[in-house]
Amino acid sequence: HIFAVINNSSKVWVLNKNNFQIIGQINGLNSPRYFLQTG
């Protein structure tokens, strides 16, 4: 997946790495900056 952090929209898009289509989104964030996956 590719995770796109959209700061002033307060969300992270979750995208399929093969075709860039939207899989989902992470909401409820304040002013997100950077993302790190650890597992």
All heavy atoms as atom14 arrays in JSON, in Angstrom:
{
  "sequence": "HIFAVINNSSKVWVLNKNNFQIIGQINGLNSPRYFLQTG",
  "atom14_mask": [
    [1, 1, 1, 1, 1, 1, 1, 1, 1, 1, 0, 0, 0, 0],
    [1, 1, 1, 1, 1, 1, 1, 1, 0, 0, 0, 0, 0, 0],
    [1, 1, 1, 1, 1, 1, 1, 1, 1, 1, 1, 0, 0, 0],
    [1, 1, 1, 1, 1, 0, 0, 0, 0, 0, 0, 0, 0, 0],
    [1, 1, 1, 1, 1, 1, 1, 0, 0, 0, 0, 0, 0, 0],
    [1, 1, 1, 1, 1, 1, 1, 1, 0, 0, 0, 0, 0, 0],
    [1, 1, 1, 1, 1, 1, 1, 1, 0, 0, 0, 0, 0, 0],
    [1, 1, 1, 1, 1, 1, 1, 1, 0, 0, 0, 0, 0, 0],
    [1, 1, 1, 1, 1, 1, 0, 0, 0, 0, 0, 0, 0, 0],
    [1, 1, 1, 1, 1, 1, 0, 0, 0, 0, 0, 0, 0, 0],
    [1, 1, 1, 1, 1, 1, 1, 1, 1, 0, 0, 0, 0, 0],
    [1, 1, 1, 1, 1, 1, 1, 0, 0, 0, 0, 0, 0, 0],
    [1, 1, 1, 1, 1, 1, 1, 1, 1, 1, 1, 1, 1, 1],
    [1, 1, 1, 1, 1, 1, 1, 0, 0, 0, 0, 0, 0, 0],
    [1, 1, 1, 1, 1, 1, 1, 1, 0, 0, 0, 0, 0, 0],
    [1, 1, 1, 1, 1, 1, 1, 1, 0, 0, 0, 0, 0, 0],
    [1, 1, 1, 1, 1, 1, 1, 1, 1, 0, 0, 0, 0, 0],
    [1, 1, 1, 1, 1, 1, 1, 1, 0, 0, 0, 0, 0, 0],
    [1, 1, 1, 1, 1, 1, 1, 1, 0, 0, 0, 0, 0, 0],
    [1, 1, 1, 1, 1, 1, 1, 1, 1, 1, 1, 0, 0, 0],
    [1, 1, 1, 1, 1, 1, 1, 1, 1, 0, 0, 0, 0, 0],
    [1, 1, 1, 1, 1, 1, 1, 1, 0, 0, 0, 0, 0, 0],
    [1, 1, 1, 1, 1, 1, 1, 1, 0, 0, 0, 0, 0, 0],
    [1, 1, 1, 1, 0, 0, 0, 0, 0, 0, 0, 0, 0, 0],
    [1, 1, 1, 1, 1, 1, 1, 1, 1, 0, 0, 0, 0, 0],
    [1, 1, 1, 1, 1, 1, 1, 1, 0, 0, 0, 0, 0, 0],
    [1, 1, 1, 1, 1, 1, 1, 1, 0, 0, 0, 0, 0, 0],
    [1, 1, 1, 1, 0, 0, 0, 0, 0, 0, 0, 0, 0, 0],
    [1, 1, 1, 1, 1, 1, 1, 1, 0, 0, 0, 0, 0, 0],
    [1, 1, 1, 1, 1, 1, 1, 1, 0, 0, 0, 0, 0, 0],
    [1, 1, 1, 1, 1, 1, 0, 0, 0, 0, 0, 0, 0, 0],
    [1, 1, 1, 1, 1, 1, 1, 0, 0, 0, 0, 0, 0, 0],
    [1, 1, 1, 1, 1, 1, 1, 1, 1, 1, 1, 0, 0, 0],
    [1, 1, 1, 1, 1, 1, 1, 1, 1, 1, 1, 1, 0, 0],
    [1, 1, 1, 1, 1, 1, 1, 1, 1, 1, 1, 0, 0, 0],
    [1, 1, 1, 1, 1, 1, 1, 1, 0, 0, 0, 0, 0, 0],
    [1, 1, 1, 1, 1, 1, 1, 1, 1, 0, 0, 0, 0, 0],
    [1, 1, 1, 1, 1, 1, 1, 0, 0, 0, 0, 0, 0, 0],
    [1, 1, 1, 1, 0, 0, 0, 0, 0, 0, 0, 0, 0, 0]
  ],
  "atom14_positions": [
    [[0.82, -1.2, 0.0], [0.0, 0.0, 0.0], [0.86, 1.26, 0.0], [2.02, 1.24, 0.43], [-0.91, 0.04, 1.24], [-1.8, -1.15, 1.37], [-1.87, -1.91, 2.51], [-2.66, -1.73, 0.49], [-2.73, -2.9, 2.34], [-3.22, -2.81, 1.12], [0.0, 0.0, 0.0], [0.0, 0.0, 0.0], [0.0, 0.0, 0.0], [0.0, 0.0, 0.0]],
    [[0.27, 2.34, -0.48], [0.84, 3.68, -0.36], [-0.08, 4.47, 0.55], [-1.31, 4.47, 0.37], [0.98, 4.36, -1.73], [1.95, 3.59, -2.62], [1.44, 5.81, -1.57], [2.05, 4.13, -4.03], [0.0, 0.0, 0.0], [0.0, 0.0, 0.0], [0.0, 0.0, 0.0], [0.0, 0.0, 0.0], [0.0, 0.0, 0.0], [0.0, 0.0, 0.0]],
    [[0.48, 5.14, 1.53], [-0.29, 5.95, 2.46], [0.01, 7.42, 2.18], [1.16, 7.85, 2.29], [0.05, 5.59, 3.9], [-0.23, 4.15, 4.25], [0.72, 3.16, 4.03], [-1.46, 3.77, 4.77], [0.46, 1.83, 4.34], [-1.73, 2.45, 5.08], [-0.77, 1.47, 4.86], [0.0, 0.0, 0.0], [0.0, 0.0, 0.0], [0.0, 0.0, 0.0]],
    [[-1.0, 8.18, 1.8], [-0.84, 9.6, 1.47], [-1.38, 10.44, 2.62], [-2.58, 10.42, 2.91], [-1.59, 9.92, 0.18], [0.0, 0.0, 0.0], [0.0, 0.0, 0.0], [0.0, 0.0, 0.0], [0.0, 0.0, 0.0], [0.0, 0.0, 0.0], [0.0, 0.0, 0.0], [0.0, 0.0, 0.0], [0.0, 0.0, 0.0], [0.0, 0.0, 0.0]],
    [[-0.5, 11.18, 3.27], [-0.85, 11.98, 4.44], [-1.27, 13.37, 3.98], [-0.46, 14.13, 3.45], [0.34, 12.07, 5.42], [-0.05, 12.88, 6.66], [0.82, 10.68, 5.82], [0.0, 0.0, 0.0], [0.0, 0.0, 0.0], [0.0, 0.0, 0.0], [0.0, 0.0, 0.0], [0.0, 0.0, 0.0], [0.0, 0.0, 0.0], [0.0, 0.0, 0.0]],
    [[-2.54, 13.71, 4.2], [-3.1, 14.98, 3.75], [-3.33, 15.87, 4.97], [-4.31, 15.73, 5.71], [-4.41, 14.77, 2.96], [-4.24, 13.63, 1.95], [-4.81, 16.06, 2.26], [-3.1, 13.84, 0.95], [0.0, 0.0, 0.0], [0.0, 0.0, 0.0], [0.0, 0.0, 0.0], [0.0, 0.0, 0.0], [0.0, 0.0, 0.0], [0.0, 0.0, 0.0]],
    [[-2.43, 16.78, 5.17], [-2.3, 17.51, 6.43], [-3.55, 18.31, 6.8], [-4.18, 18.09, 7.83], [-1.08, 18.43, 6.34], [-0.89, 19.31, 7.55], [-1.31, 20.45, 7.53], [-0.28, 18.78, 8.58], [0.0, 0.0, 0.0], [0.0, 0.0, 0.0], [0.0, 0.0, 0.0], [0.0, 0.0, 0.0], [0.0, 0.0, 0.0], [0.0, 0.0, 0.0]],
    [[-3.91, 19.28, 5.98], [-5.01, 20.18, 6.36], [-6.38, 19.54, 6.15], [-7.39, 20.07, 6.62], [-4.93, 21.49, 5.59], [-5.66, 22.62, 6.29], [-5.55, 22.77, 7.5], [-6.42, 23.4, 5.54], [0.0, 0.0, 0.0], [0.0, 0.0, 0.0], [0.0, 0.0, 0.0], [0.0, 0.0, 0.0], [0.0, 0.0, 0.0], [0.0, 0.0, 0.0]],
    [[-6.43, 18.4, 5.44], [-7.68, 17.64, 5.33], [-7.81, 16.62, 6.45], [-8.82, 15.9, 6.53], [-7.76, 16.92, 3.98], [-7.88, 17.85, 2.92], [0.0, 0.0, 0.0], [0.0, 0.0, 0.0], [0.0, 0.0, 0.0], [0.0, 0.0, 0.0], [0.0, 0.0, 0.0], [0.0, 0.0, 0.0], [0.0, 0.0, 0.0], [0.0, 0.0, 0.0]],
    [[-6.8, 16.52, 7.28], [-6.83, 15.71, 8.51], [-7.1, 14.23, 8.25], [-7.86, 13.58, 8.98], [-7.89, 16.26, 9.48], [-7.67, 17.62, 9.75], [0.0, 0.0, 0.0], [0.0, 0.0, 0.0], [0.0, 0.0, 0.0], [0.0, 0.0, 0.0], [0.0, 0.0, 0.0], [0.0, 0.0, 0.0], [0.0, 0.0, 0.0], [0.0, 0.0, 0.0]],
    [[-6.47, 13.68, 7.2], [-6.7, 12.27, 6.9], [-5.51, 11.66, 6.2], [-4.59, 12.36, 5.74], [-7.95, 12.11, 6.04], [-7.84, 12.73, 4.65], [-9.15, 12.58, 3.89], [-9.1, 13.27, 2.54], [-10.41, 13.2, 1.85], [0.0, 0.0, 0.0], [0.0, 0.0, 0.0], [0.0, 0.0, 0.0], [0.0, 0.0, 0.0], [0.0, 0.0, 0.0]],
    [[-5.54, 10.34, 6.08], [-4.55, 9.59, 5.32], [-5.3, 8.69, 4.34], [-6.16, 7.9, 4.74], [-3.67, 8.72, 6.25], [-2.7, 7.88, 5.43], [-2.91, 9.58, 7.25], [0.0, 0.0, 0.0], [0.0, 0.0, 0.0], [0.0, 0.0, 0.0], [0.0, 0.0, 0.0], [0.0, 0.0, 0.0], [0.0, 0.0, 0.0], [0.0, 0.0, 0.0]],
    [[-4.99, 8.84, 3.06], [-5.54, 7.94, 2.05], [-4.74, 6.64, 2.04], [-3.51, 6.67, 2.12], [-5.45, 8.55, 0.65], [-6.37, 9.7, 0.37], [-6.02, 11.02, 0.23], [-7.78, 9.63, 0.12], [-7.13, 11.77, -0.07], [-8.22, 10.95, -0.15], [-8.71, 8.59, 0.09], [-9.56, 11.24, -0.43], [-10.02, 8.89, -0.18], [-10.44, 10.2, -0.44]],
    [[-5.42, 5.51, 1.91], [-4.77, 4.21, 1.74], [-4.98, 3.78, 0.29], [-6.12, 3.66, -0.17], [-5.37, 3.15, 2.69], [-4.58, 1.85, 2.58], [-5.37, 3.67, 4.13], [0.0, 0.0, 0.0], [0.0, 0.0, 0.0], [0.0, 0.0, 0.0], [0.0, 0.0, 0.0], [0.0, 0.0, 0.0], [0.0, 0.0, 0.0], [0.0, 0.0, 0.0]],
    [[-3.88, 3.58, -0.44], [-3.93, 3.33, -1.88], [-3.31, 2.0, -2.23], [-2.34, 1.56, -1.61], [-3.19, 4.45, -2.61], [-3.61, 5.88, -2.28], [-2.65, 6.88, -2.91], [-5.04, 6.14, -2.73], [0.0, 0.0, 0.0], [0.0, 0.0, 0.0], [0.0, 0.0, 0.0], [0.0, 0.0, 0.0], [0.0, 0.0, 0.0], [0.0, 0.0, 0.0]],
    [[-3.87, 1.35, -3.25], [-3.3, 0.12, -3.78], [-2.0, 0.46, -4.51], [-1.98, 1.3, -5.39], [-4.3, -0.53, -4.75], [-3.83, -1.89, -5.23], [-2.7, -2.06, -5.68], [-4.71, -2.87, -5.15], [0.0, 0.0, 0.0], [0.0, 0.0, 0.0], [0.0, 0.0, 0.0], [0.0, 0.0, 0.0], [0.0, 0.0, 0.0], [0.0, 0.0, 0.0]],
    [[-0.93, -0.21, -4.15], [0.38, 0.12, -4.71], [0.49, -0.25, -6.18], [1.29, 0.33, -6.92], [1.47, -0.59, -3.9], [2.86, -0.02, -4.07], [3.81, -0.65, -3.09], [5.2, -0.02, -3.18], [6.14, -0.65, -2.2], [0.0, 0.0, 0.0], [0.0, 0.0, 0.0], [0.0, 0.0, 0.0], [0.0, 0.0, 0.0], [0.0, 0.0, 0.0]],
    [[-0.3, -1.21, -6.63], [-0.22, -1.67, -8.01], [-0.92, -0.76, -9.0], [-0.48, -0.58, -10.13], [-0.79, -3.09, -8.14], [0.04, -4.11, -7.38], [1.26, -4.02, -7.35], [-0.62, -5.05, -6.75], [0.0, 0.0, 0.0], [0.0, 0.0, 0.0], [0.0, 0.0, 0.0], [0.0, 0.0, 0.0], [0.0, 0.0, 0.0], [0.0, 0.0, 0.0]],
    [[-2.05, -0.17, -8.58], [-2.84, 0.64, -9.52], [-3.24, 2.0, -8.99], [-3.94, 2.76, -9.66], [-4.09, -0.13, -9.96], [-4.94, -0.58, -8.78], [-4.93, 0.02, -7.71], [-5.69, -1.66, -8.98], [0.0, 0.0, 0.0], [0.0, 0.0, 0.0], [0.0, 0.0, 0.0], [0.0, 0.0, 0.0], [0.0, 0.0, 0.0], [0.0, 0.0, 0.0]],
    [[-2.87, 2.32, -7.76], [-3.11, 3.63, -7.14], [-4.58, 3.88, -6.81], [-4.98, 5.01, -6.55], [-2.55, 4.75, -8.02], [-1.84, 5.82, -7.21], [-0.62, 5.54, -6.62], [-2.38, 7.07, -7.03], [0.05, 6.5, -5.87], [-1.72, 8.04, -6.29], [-0.51, 7.75, -5.71], [0.0, 0.0, 0.0], [0.0, 0.0, 0.0], [0.0, 0.0, 0.0]],
    [[-5.4, 2.84, -6.81], [-6.8, 3.02, -6.46], [-6.98, 3.11, -4.95], [-6.23, 2.51, -4.19], [-7.63, 1.85, -7.01], [-7.72, 1.82, -8.52], [-8.5, 0.63, -9.03], [-8.96, -0.2, -8.26], [-8.65, 0.54, -10.34], [0.0, 0.0, 0.0], [0.0, 0.0, 0.0], [0.0, 0.0, 0.0], [0.0, 0.0, 0.0], [0.0, 0.0, 0.0]],
    [[-8.0, 3.87, -4.54], [-8.3, 4.05, -3.12], [-8.79, 2.74, -2.52], [-9.7, 2.1, -3.04], [-9.36, 5.14, -2.92], [-8.84, 6.5, -3.39], [-9.78, 5.21, -1.46], [-9.89, 7.59, -3.43], [0.0, 0.0, 0.0], [0.0, 0.0, 0.0], [0.0, 0.0, 0.0], [0.0, 0.0, 0.0], [0.0, 0.0, 0.0], [0.0, 0.0, 0.0]],
    [[-8.19, 2.35, -1.4], [-8.63, 1.19, -0.63], [-9.44, 1.65, 0.58], [-10.43, 1.03, 0.96], [-7.44, 0.34, -0.19], [-6.73, -0.26, -1.4], [-7.87, -0.76, 0.78], [-5.47, -1.01, -1.04], [0.0, 0.0, 0.0], [0.0, 0.0, 0.0], [0.0, 0.0, 0.0], [0.0, 0.0, 0.0], [0.0, 0.0, 0.0], [0.0, 0.0, 0.0]],
    [[-9.0, 2.72, 1.19], [-9.68, 3.23, 2.38], [-9.04, 4.54, 2.8], [-8.2, 5.11, 2.09], [0.0, 0.0, 0.0], [0.0, 0.0, 0.0], [0.0, 0.0, 0.0], [0.0, 0.0, 0.0], [0.0, 0.0, 0.0], [0.0, 0.0, 0.0], [0.0, 0.0, 0.0], [0.0, 0.0, 0.0], [0.0, 0.0, 0.0], [0.0, 0.0, 0.0]],
    [[-9.46, 5.02, 3.96], [-8.84, 6.23, 4.5], [-8.86, 6.19, 6.02], [-9.7, 5.53, 6.63], [-9.51, 7.5, 3.97], [-10.99, 7.61, 4.17], [-11.54, 8.88, 3.54], [-11.17, 9.99, 3.92], [-12.42, 8.71, 2.57], [0.0, 0.0, 0.0], [0.0, 0.0, 0.0], [0.0, 0.0, 0.0], [0.0, 0.0, 0.0], [0.0, 0.0, 0.0]],
    [[-7.9, 6.88, 6.6], [-7.79, 7.0, 8.06], [-8.24, 8.39, 8.43], [-7.64, 9.39, 8.0], [-6.34, 6.74, 8.51], [-5.88, 5.36, 8.06], [-6.22, 6.89, 10.03], [-4.38, 5.14, 8.17], [0.0, 0.0, 0.0], [0.0, 0.0, 0.0], [0.0, 0.0, 0.0], [0.0, 0.0, 0.0], [0.0, 0.0, 0.0], [0.0, 0.0, 0.0]],
    [[-9.3, 8.49, 9.22], [-9.88, 9.77, 9.61], [-9.7, 10.01, 11.1], [-9.19, 9.16, 11.83], [-11.36, 9.81, 9.23], [-11.58, 9.72, 7.73], [-11.02, 10.48, 6.97], [-12.39, 8.76, 7.29], [0.0, 0.0, 0.0], [0.0, 0.0, 0.0], [0.0, 0.0, 0.0], [0.0, 0.0, 0.0], [0.0, 0.0, 0.0], [0.0, 0.0, 0.0]],
    [[-10.12, 11.19, 11.56], [-10.07, 11.52, 12.97], [-8.75, 12.09, 13.43], [-8.54, 12.32, 14.63], [0.0, 0.0, 0.0], [0.0, 0.0, 0.0], [0.0, 0.0, 0.0], [0.0, 0.0, 0.0], [0.0, 0.0, 0.0], [0.0, 0.0, 0.0], [0.0, 0.0, 0.0], [0.0, 0.0, 0.0], [0.0, 0.0, 0.0], [0.0, 0.0, 0.0]],
    [[-7.85, 12.34, 12.48], [-6.56, 12.94, 12.82], [-6.7, 14.45, 12.89], [-7.64, 15.04, 12.33], [-5.52, 12.55, 11.77], [-5.27, 11.04, 11.64], [-4.57, 10.71, 10.34], [-4.46, 10.53, 12.83], [0.0, 0.0, 0.0], [0.0, 0.0, 0.0], [0.0, 0.0, 0.0], [0.0, 0.0, 0.0], [0.0, 0.0, 0.0], [0.0, 0.0, 0.0]],
    [[-5.77, 15.1, 13.56], [-5.83, 16.55, 13.71], [-5.14, 17.24, 12.54], [-5.76, 17.73, 11.62], [-5.21, 16.96, 15.05], [-5.38, 18.43, 15.37], [-5.69, 19.23, 14.5], [-5.2, 18.78, 16.63], [0.0, 0.0, 0.0], [0.0, 0.0, 0.0], [0.0, 0.0, 0.0], [0.0, 0.0, 0.0], [0.0, 0.0, 0.0], [0.0, 0.0, 0.0]],
    [[-3.81, 17.22, 12.56], [-3.01, 17.84, 11.5], [-1.84, 16.92, 11.18], [-0.68, 17.22, 11.52], [-2.53, 19.23, 11.94], [-1.89, 19.9, 10.9], [0.0, 0.0, 0.0], [0.0, 0.0, 0.0], [0.0, 0.0, 0.0], [0.0, 0.0, 0.0], [0.0, 0.0, 0.0], [0.0, 0.0, 0.0], [0.0, 0.0, 0.0], [0.0, 0.0, 0.0]],
    [[-2.1, 15.78, 10.54], [-1.08, 14.73, 10.38], [0.1, 15.17, 9.52], [-0.06, 15.95, 8.58], [-1.85, 13.59, 9.72], [-2.97, 14.27, 9.01], [-3.36, 15.42, 9.88], [0.0, 0.0, 0.0], [0.0, 0.0, 0.0], [0.0, 0.0, 0.0], [0.0, 0.0, 0.0], [0.0, 0.0, 0.0], [0.0, 0.0, 0.0], [0.0, 0.0, 0.0]],
    [[1.28, 14.64, 9.84], [2.51, 15.03, 9.15], [3.19, 13.84, 8.45], [3.37, 13.85, 7.24], [3.49, 15.64, 10.16], [3.01, 16.89, 10.83], [2.98, 18.07, 9.91], [4.32, 18.47, 9.52], [4.59, 19.47, 8.67], [3.6, 20.14, 8.12], [5.82, 19.78, 8.36], [0.0, 0.0, 0.0], [0.0, 0.0, 0.0], [0.0, 0.0, 0.0]],
    [[3.59, 12.81, 9.24], [4.33, 11.67, 8.67], [3.78, 10.36, 9.21], [3.22, 10.3, 10.3], [5.83, 11.8, 8.98], [6.48, 12.91, 8.2], [6.54, 14.2, 8.71], [7.0, 12.68, 6.93], [7.11, 15.23, 7.98], [7.58, 13.71, 6.19], [7.63, 14.98, 6.72], [8.18, 16.0, 6.0], [0.0, 0.0, 0.0], [0.0, 0.0, 0.0]],
    [[4.0, 9.31, 8.41], [3.42, 7.99, 8.65], [4.56, 6.97, 8.71], [5.52, 7.06, 7.95], [2.48, 7.67, 7.48], [1.66, 6.43, 7.62], [0.34, 6.5, 8.04], [2.18, 5.18, 7.3], [-0.45, 5.35, 8.14], [1.41, 4.03, 7.4], [0.08, 4.12, 7.82], [0.0, 0.0, 0.0], [0.0, 0.0, 0.0], [0.0, 0.0, 0.0]],
    [[4.45, 6.01, 9.62], [5.44, 4.94, 9.7], [4.75, 3.63, 10.03], [4.06, 3.53, 11.05], [6.49, 5.24, 10.78], [7.52, 4.13, 11.04], [8.44, 3.95, 9.84], [8.33, 4.42, 12.31], [0.0, 0.0, 0.0], [0.0, 0.0, 0.0], [0.0, 0.0, 0.0], [0.0, 0.0, 0.0], [0.0, 0.0, 0.0], [0.0, 0.0, 0.0]],
    [[4.92, 2.63, 9.17], [4.38, 1.3, 9.42], [5.45, 0.44, 10.08], [6.59, 0.39, 9.62], [3.93, 0.66, 8.11], [3.28, -0.69, 8.27], [2.75, -1.25, 6.94], [2.8, -0.58, 5.92], [2.25, -2.48, 6.98], [0.0, 0.0, 0.0], [0.0, 0.0, 0.0], [0.0, 0.0, 0.0], [0.0, 0.0, 0.0], [0.0, 0.0, 0.0]],
    [[5.09, -0.25, 11.17], [6.07, -1.07, 11.89], [5.72, -2.55, 11.87], [6.43, -3.36, 12.45], [6.19, -0.61, 13.35], [4.9, -0.68, 13.97], [6.71, 0.82, 13.42], [0.0, 0.0, 0.0], [0.0, 0.0, 0.0], [0.0, 0.0, 0.0], [0.0, 0.0, 0.0], [0.0, 0.0, 0.0], [0.0, 0.0, 0.0], [0.0, 0.0, 0.0]],
    [[4.63, -2.91, 11.23], [4.22, -4.31, 11.13], [3.02, -4.4, 10.22], [2.55, -3.4, 9.68], [0.0, 0.0, 0.0], [0.0, 0.0, 0.0], [0.0, 0.0, 0.0], [0.0, 0.0, 0.0], [0.0, 0.0, 0.0], [0.0, 0.0, 0.0], [0.0, 0.0, 0.0], [0.0, 0.0, 0.0], [0.0, 0.0, 0.0], [0.0, 0.0, 0.0]]
  ]
}
